[in-house]
């Protein structure tokens, strides 16, 4: 039984690492999206079509 718990713990640890990695990737994507949105906002503000 102890061996089974040990392998579950290993799986849980691996999943936790994967989740943290995914979280970092998602945060990077959000930062890029935010930067693009800010650029688009600036472009829109300077766009003559807006006025």
C-alpha atoms as a PDB file:
ATOM      1  CA  UNK A   1       0.000   0.000   0.000  1.00  0.00           C
ATOM      2  CA  UNK A   2       2.832   2.364   0.830  1.00  0.00           C
ATOM      3  CA  UNK A   3       4.301   1.876  -2.661  1.00  0.00           C
ATOM      4  CA  UNK A   4       0.986   2.813  -4.229  1.00  0.00           C
ATOM      5  CA  UNK A   5       0.785   6.009  -2.155  1.00  0.00           C
ATOM      6  CA  UNK A   6       4.362   6.823  -3.136  1.00  0.00           C
ATOM      7  CA  UNK A   7       3.578   6.573  -6.851  1.00  0.00           C
ATOM      8  CA  UNK A   8       0.448   8.700  -6.401  1.00  0.00           C
ATOM      9  CA  UNK A   9       2.550  11.301  -4.617  1.00  0.00           C
ATOM     10  CA  UNK A  10       5.028  11.244  -7.505  1.00  0.00           C
ATOM     11  CA  UNK A  11       2.211  11.772  -9.998  1.00  0.00           C
ATOM     12  CA  UNK A  12       0.797  14.601  -7.900  1.00  0.00           C
ATOM     13  CA  UNK A  13       4.209  16.272  -7.727  1.00  0.00           C
ATOM     14  CA  UNK A  14       4.701  15.919 -11.491  1.00  0.00           C
ATOM     15  CA  UNK A  15       1.248  17.369 -12.134  1.00  0.00           C
ATOM     16  CA  UNK A  16       1.945  20.255  -9.764  1.00  0.00           C
ATOM     17  CA  UNK A  17       5.153  21.075 -11.672  1.00  0.00           C
ATOM     18  CA  UNK A  18       3.271  20.894 -14.966  1.00  0.00           C
ATOM     19  CA  UNK A  19       0.521  23.181 -13.650  1.00  0.00           C
ATOM     20  CA  UNK A  20       3.074  25.727 -12.427  1.00  0.00           C
ATOM     21  CA  UNK A  21       4.740  25.613 -15.843  1.00  0.00           C
ATOM     22  CA  UNK A  22       1.378  26.113 -17.558  1.00  0.00           C
ATOM     23  CA  UNK A  23       0.590  28.999 -15.221  1.00  0.00           C
ATOM     24  CA  UNK A  24       3.856  30.712 -16.148  1.00  0.00           C
ATOM     25  CA  UNK A  25       3.146  30.207 -19.858  1.00  0.00           C
ATOM     26  CA  UNK A  26      -0.369  31.619 -19.484  1.00  0.00           C
ATOM     27  CA  UNK A  27       0.951  34.658 -17.593  1.00  0.00           C
ATOM     28  CA  UNK A  28       3.461  35.291 -20.403  1.00  0.00           C
ATOM     29  CA  UNK A  29       0.653  35.069 -22.978  1.00  0.00           C
ATOM     30  CA  UNK A  30      -1.484  37.513 -20.982  1.00  0.00           C
ATOM     31  CA  UNK A  31       1.428  39.970 -20.818  1.00  0.00           C
ATOM     32  CA  UNK A  32       1.861  39.770 -24.608  1.00  0.00           C
ATOM     33  CA  UNK A  33      -1.876  40.216 -25.147  1.00  0.00           C
ATOM     34  CA  UNK A  34      -1.893  43.233 -22.809  1.00  0.00           C
ATOM     35  CA  UNK A  35       1.036  44.781 -24.670  1.00  0.00           C
ATOM     36  CA  UNK A  36      -0.692  44.261 -28.025  1.00  0.00           C
ATOM     37  CA  UNK A  37      -3.937  45.702 -26.654  1.00  0.00           C
ATOM     38  CA  UNK A  38      -2.097  48.794 -25.420  1.00  0.00           C
ATOM     39  CA  UNK A  39      -0.451  49.228 -28.830  1.00  0.00           C
ATOM     40  CA  UNK A  40      -3.830  48.877 -30.509  1.00  0.00           C
ATOM     41  CA  UNK A  41      -5.367  51.425 -28.126  1.00  0.00           C
ATOM     42  CA  UNK A  42      -2.612  53.920 -28.970  1.00  0.00           C
ATOM     43  CA  UNK A  43      -3.095  53.266 -32.677  1.00  0.00           C
ATOM     44  CA  UNK A  44      -6.870  53.685 -32.370  1.00  0.00           C
ATOM     45  CA  UNK A  45      -6.442  56.921 -30.425  1.00  0.00           C
ATOM     46  CA  UNK A  46      -4.260  58.296 -33.215  1.00  0.00           C
ATOM     47  CA  UNK A  47      -6.522  57.016 -35.948  1.00  0.00           C
ATOM     48  CA  UNK A  48      -8.349  59.738 -37.907  1.00  0.00           C
ATOM     49  CA  UNK A  49     -11.282  57.359 -38.436  1.00  0.00           C
ATOM     50  CA  UNK A  50     -12.027  57.613 -34.735  1.00  0.00           C
ATOM     51  CA  UNK A  51     -12.695  61.352 -34.748  1.00  0.00           C
END
